[in-house]
Protein backbone atom coordinates (compact mmCIF):
# COMPACT_ATOMS: atom_id res chain seq x y z
CA UNK A 1 -0.01 0.06 0.05
CA UNK A 2 1.65 3.34 -0.96
CA UNK A 3 1.97 5.62 1.77
CA UNK A 4 0.45 9.14 2.08
CA UNK A 5 2.11 12.21 1.69
CA UNK A 6 1.44 13.15 5.36
CA UNK A 7 3.29 9.82 6.22
CA UNK A 8 5.93 10.51 4.37
CA UNK A 9 6.30 14.16 5.52
CA UNK A 10 6.06 12.59 8.95
CA UNK A 11 8.69 10.06 8.62
CA UNK A 12 11.05 12.77 6.91
CA UNK A 13 10.53 14.91 10.19
CA UNK A 14 10.68 12.15 12.63
CA UNK A 15 14.31 11.54 10.69
CA UNK A 16 15.36 15.02 10.75
CA UNK A 17 14.74 15.45 14.04
CA UNK A 18 16.38 12.54 15.02
CA UNK A 19 19.49 13.77 13.39
CA UNK A 20 19.45 17.30 15.08
CA UNK A 21 19.53 15.59 18.13
CA UNK A 22 22.12 12.84 17.66
CA UNK A 23 24.16 15.62 15.88
CA UNK A 24 23.72 17.52 19.13
CA UNK A 25 24.80 14.99 21.86
CA UNK A 26 27.77 14.34 19.68
CA UNK A 27 29.21 17.96 19.26
CA UNK A 28 30.91 18.12 22.18
CA UNK A 29 32.81 15.01 21.74
CA UNK A 30 33.61 16.23 18.32
CA UNK A 31 34.95 19.73 19.83
CA UNK A 32 36.69 17.53 22.78
CA UNK A 33 38.36 15.32 19.80
CA UNK A 34 39.97 18.22 18.08
CA UNK A 35 40.87 20.00 21.08
CA UNK A 36 42.96 16.86 22.01
CA UNK A 37 45.13 17.56 19.05
CA UNK A 38 46.13 21.09 19.59
CA UNK A 39 49.84 21.73 19.98
CA UNK A 40 48.91 24.94 22.30
CA UNK A 41 49.38 24.63 26.06
CA UNK A 42 45.81 26.17 26.33
CA UNK A 43 42.93 24.59 25.26
CA UNK A 44 41.43 26.51 21.89
CA UNK A 45 39.16 25.57 19.28
CA UNK A 46 39.34 25.35 16.64
CA UNK A 47 43.39 24.31 17.03
CA UNK A 48 45.84 26.37 15.23
CA UNK A 49 48.43 23.48 14.59
CA UNK A 50 48.32 19.57 15.51
CA UNK A 51 50.27 17.65 17.80
CA UNK A 52 49.92 14.24 19.55
CA UNK A 53 51.97 15.50 22.65
CA UNK A 54 48.92 15.57 24.99
CA UNK A 55 48.35 11.79 24.34
CA UNK A 56 51.70 11.19 25.66
CA UNK A 57 52.04 13.35 28.73
CA UNK A 58 48.29 12.23 29.58
CA UNK A 59 50.02 8.49 29.35
CA UNK A 60 52.94 9.22 30.85
CA UNK A 61 51.51 11.37 34.09
CA UNK A 62 52.15 9.25 37.14
CA UNK A 63 48.86 10.13 38.99
CA UNK A 64 47.04 8.98 35.75
CA UNK A 65 48.75 6.10 35.72
CA UNK A 66 47.77 5.36 39.22
CA UNK A 67 44.57 6.02 38.85
CA UNK A 68 44.51 3.78 35.84
CA UNK A 69 45.51 0.88 38.04
CA UNK A 70 43.18 1.76 41.06
CA UNK A 71 40.39 2.05 38.86
CA UNK A 72 41.28 -1.49 37.22
CA UNK A 73 41.41 -3.00 40.39
CA UNK A 74 38.15 -1.61 41.53
CA UNK A 75 36.23 -1.97 38.42
CA UNK A 76 37.40 -5.65 38.30
CA UNK A 77 36.23 -6.27 41.80
CA UNK A 78 33.11 -4.78 41.53
CA UNK A 79 31.48 -5.60 38.39
CA UNK A 80 32.32 -9.63 39.30
CA UNK A 81 30.74 -9.17 42.50
CA UNK A 82 27.67 -7.37 41.04
CA UNK A 83 27.49 -10.15 38.58
CA UNK A 84 27.34 -12.79 41.13
CA UNK A 85 24.62 -11.03 43.41
CA UNK A 86 22.89 -9.67 40.51
CA UNK A 87 22.68 -12.93 38.88
CA UNK A 88 21.27 -14.58 42.44
CA UNK A 89 18.55 -11.67 42.69
CA UNK A 90 17.39 -12.05 38.98
CA UNK A 91 17.27 -15.72 39.10
CA UNK A 92 15.22 -15.04 42.69
CA UNK A 93 12.95 -12.37 41.38
CA UNK A 94 12.42 -13.99 38.07
CA UNK A 95 11.16 -17.66 39.31
CA UNK A 96 9.98 -17.22 42.96
CA UNK A 97 7.38 -15.75 44.58
CA UNK A 98 7.74 -14.22 47.97
CA UNK A 99 6.74 -11.74 50.64
CA UNK A 100 8.23 -8.30 49.94
CA UNK A 101 9.24 -9.25 46.46
CA UNK A 102 8.39 -5.94 45.06
CA UNK A 103 9.77 -3.81 47.45
CA UNK A 104 13.32 -5.90 47.45
CA UNK A 105 13.30 -5.21 43.41
CA UNK A 106 12.63 -1.33 44.00
CA UNK A 107 15.78 -1.62 46.68
CA UNK A 108 18.08 -2.95 44.29
CA UNK A 109 16.95 -0.57 41.47
CA UNK A 110 17.12 2.47 43.50
CA UNK A 111 20.51 3.55 42.68
CA UNK A 112 19.18 4.27 39.43
CA UNK A 113 17.42 7.32 40.75
CA UNK A 114 19.20 8.23 44.02
CA UNK A 115 22.07 10.54 43.32
CA UNK A 116 25.25 9.19 43.15
CA UNK A 117 26.78 11.70 45.63
CA UNK A 118 24.21 10.47 48.07
CA UNK A 119 25.56 7.05 47.51
CA UNK A 120 28.85 7.98 47.85
CA UNK A 121 28.42 10.44 51.38
CA UNK A 122 26.45 7.38 52.95
CA UNK A 123 29.17 5.32 52.12
CA UNK A 124 32.02 7.77 53.67
CA UNK A 125 29.72 8.10 56.67
CA UNK A 126 28.88 4.42 57.14
CA UNK A 127 32.79 3.96 56.88
CA UNK A 128 33.39 6.46 59.60
CA UNK A 129 30.78 5.01 62.02
CA UNK A 130 32.81 1.68 61.47
CA UNK A 131 35.92 2.94 62.02
CA UNK A 132 36.89 1.92 58.20
CA UNK A 133 39.85 3.26 56.21
CA UNK A 134 38.49 4.51 52.58
CA UNK A 135 40.19 1.79 51.16
CA UNK A 136 39.41 -0.71 48.23
CA UNK A 137 36.90 -2.58 50.47
CA UNK A 138 34.48 0.85 50.66
CA UNK A 139 35.00 1.83 47.35
CA UNK A 140 34.20 -1.73 46.01
CA UNK A 141 30.79 -1.79 48.05
CA UNK A 142 30.10 1.60 46.88
CA UNK A 143 30.43 0.72 43.11
CA UNK A 144 28.70 -2.85 43.06
CA UNK A 145 25.86 -0.88 44.97
CA UNK A 146 25.67 1.67 41.93
CA UNK A 147 26.16 -0.57 39.04
CA UNK A 148 23.79 -3.43 40.46
CA UNK A 149 20.90 -2.12 38.75
CA UNK A 150 22.33 -2.65 35.60
CA UNK A 151 23.49 -6.28 35.94
CA UNK A 152 20.44 -7.23 37.24
CA UNK A 153 18.25 -6.08 34.42
CA UNK A 154 20.32 -7.55 31.62
CA UNK A 155 20.52 -10.79 33.48
CA UNK A 156 16.57 -10.16 34.49
CA UNK A 157 15.81 -9.59 30.34
CA UNK A 158 18.16 -12.89 29.38
CA UNK A 159 15.72 -14.98 31.57
CA UNK A 160 12.66 -13.76 30.40
CA UNK A 161 13.73 -14.59 27.35
CA UNK A 162 14.91 -17.77 28.06
CA UNK A 163 12.61 -21.25 26.66
CA UNK A 164 11.86 -22.78 30.05
CA UNK A 165 10.90 -25.81 27.71
CA UNK A 166 14.66 -26.49 27.76
CA UNK A 167 15.23 -26.57 31.49
CA UNK A 168 12.40 -28.92 31.75
CA UNK A 169 13.75 -31.08 29.48
CA UNK A 170 17.10 -31.51 31.13
CA UNK A 171 15.18 -31.81 34.16
CA UNK A 172 13.05 -34.57 32.55
CA UNK A 173 15.99 -36.48 31.84
CA UNK A 174 17.21 -36.95 35.11
CA UNK A 175 19.37 -33.84 35.55
CA UNK A 176 19.30 -32.86 39.23
CA UNK A 177 18.77 -28.80 39.77
CA UNK A 178 22.26 -27.90 40.27
CA UNK A 179 23.18 -29.63 36.82
CA UNK A 180 20.37 -27.94 35.17
CA UNK A 181 21.61 -24.56 36.19
CA UNK A 182 24.82 -25.09 35.04
CA UNK A 183 24.81 -26.79 31.91
CA UNK A 184 21.52 -25.31 30.34
CA UNK A 185 20.46 -22.06 32.54
CA UNK A 186 24.10 -20.54 32.54
CA UNK A 187 25.12 -21.11 29.18
CA UNK A 188 21.81 -20.02 27.77
CA UNK A 189 22.30 -16.76 30.06
CA UNK A 190 26.11 -16.12 28.99
CA UNK A 191 25.13 -13.21 26.93
CA UNK A 192 23.35 -11.21 29.48
CA UNK A 193 26.00 -12.25 31.95
CA UNK A 194 28.79 -11.02 29.97
CA UNK A 195 26.32 -7.83 28.71
CA UNK A 196 25.73 -7.15 32.19
CA UNK A 197 29.31 -7.42 33.24
CA UNK A 198 30.63 -5.22 30.41
CA UNK A 199 28.02 -2.41 31.76
CA UNK A 200 29.19 -2.54 35.21
CA UNK A 201 32.73 -2.37 34.14
CA UNK A 202 32.50 0.41 32.01
CA UNK A 203 30.05 2.32 34.56
CA UNK A 204 32.25 1.28 37.43
CA UNK A 205 35.65 2.68 35.85
CA UNK A 206 33.94 5.94 34.80
CA UNK A 207 32.08 6.71 37.96
CA UNK A 208 33.17 9.70 39.34
CA UNK A 209 30.87 11.35 41.63
CA UNK A 210 30.24 8.79 44.56
CA UNK A 211 34.31 7.65 44.14
CA UNK A 212 35.33 11.42 45.34
CA UNK A 213 33.59 10.92 48.57
CA UNK A 214 35.49 7.30 49.11
CA UNK A 215 38.64 7.85 47.97
CA UNK A 216 42.09 9.43 49.25
CA UNK A 217 45.30 9.64 47.58
CA UNK A 218 46.40 6.39 47.61
CA UNK A 219 42.98 4.72 46.05
CA UNK A 220 41.87 7.49 43.92
CA UNK A 221 40.67 6.14 40.08
CA UNK A 222 41.23 7.66 37.14
CA UNK A 223 37.96 9.99 36.78
CA UNK A 224 39.34 11.29 40.35
CA UNK A 225 42.56 12.09 39.31
CA UNK A 226 41.43 13.89 36.64
CA UNK A 227 39.43 16.09 38.43
CA UNK A 228 42.36 16.72 40.80
CA UNK A 229 44.47 17.58 37.69
CA UNK A 230 42.28 20.29 36.20
CA UNK A 231 41.87 21.92 39.35
CA UNK A 232 45.48 22.80 38.88
CA UNK A 233 46.19 22.73 34.99
CA UNK A 234 44.05 23.57 32.19
CA UNK A 235 45.90 21.80 29.04
CA UNK A 236 44.29 19.51 26.65
CA UNK A 237 45.57 16.46 28.46
CA UNK A 238 42.14 16.45 29.64
CA UNK A 239 40.92 16.22 26.29
CA UNK A 240 43.44 13.53 25.58
CA UNK A 241 42.21 11.21 28.24
CA UNK A 242 38.50 11.99 27.15
CA UNK A 243 39.31 10.91 23.48
CA UNK A 244 40.96 7.52 24.80
CA UNK A 245 37.78 7.00 27.09
CA UNK A 246 35.59 7.47 23.95
CA UNK A 247 37.39 5.17 21.66
CA UNK A 248 37.82 2.43 24.30
CA UNK A 249 34.21 2.44 25.33
CA UNK A 250 32.56 2.52 21.64
CA UNK A 251 34.70 -0.10 20.58
CA UNK A 252 34.11 -2.39 23.64
CA UNK A 253 30.16 -1.90 22.73
CA UNK A 254 30.56 -2.21 19.40
CA UNK A 255 32.33 -5.46 20.09
CA UNK A 256 29.90 -6.57 22.73
CA UNK A 257 27.10 -5.64 20.18
CA UNK A 258 28.50 -7.83 17.29
CA UNK A 259 29.03 -10.94 19.47
CA UNK A 260 26.56 -10.60 22.16
CA UNK A 261 23.56 -8.88 20.65
CA UNK A 262 22.79 -6.31 22.96
CA UNK A 263 19.77 -5.25 21.50
CA UNK A 264 18.45 -8.78 22.93
CA UNK A 265 20.32 -8.64 25.67
CA UNK A 266 18.53 -4.95 26.56
CA UNK A 267 15.02 -5.98 25.23
CA UNK A 268 15.22 -3.08 22.31
CA UNK A 269 14.82 -5.36 19.15
CA UNK A 270 12.43 -4.04 16.88
CA UNK A 271 9.85 -6.53 15.98
CA UNK A 272 9.67 -7.50 12.29
């Protein structure tokens, strides 16, 4: 059936609006990328000459190196713990009925709406009350709370898309529950598990607001190190770090989409 002129105009208008929004969102990244290659020691746009010097300086700066190492430690522990805890909660919420189920789900998803500085301040007060130093344990616990909703959603959606007949078939053939879980359920949930871990890792590594409250000089992550740097210097090293952030994050998400199918994991596939 041919489309009416009004439908064609609405479709064209929708495409223009979406393109304008995407352009508006990507414009700051484009400006930062061009500014990172500026050879001058002062941020300026457009650059008068081009250089890689700020990328070299950013990689060689000791505070950034220490922040990167600390970030990897925190991210590795936080995303892995969040994956285990989030997968367990997702299984419980999907498969079982119990009292206060909705209340538990609301609590687990509350970091999506609670400001991160509130979470960070809360962990700072809690650590002070318990007499704990602001070490890795406090930072990891704080990050686990912040990234847990993303793991929970990813695994929960994978569970909803799982065909229960496969588990029933395994059980009917005599497989005990733990064997069904390890040989059928978890392998089928692997894309959701890996996708949830990846989102948790990216968010944890980039977390700044809460980390500012629970880190010290020895344990500061890279975003906190960048904040301390920008308070004293205004050269394009910050822009260079931002470009590297953008490239690495975009690459990881692209690879995840190719091999895991993020549209299916996140339940955003368009109906055919």
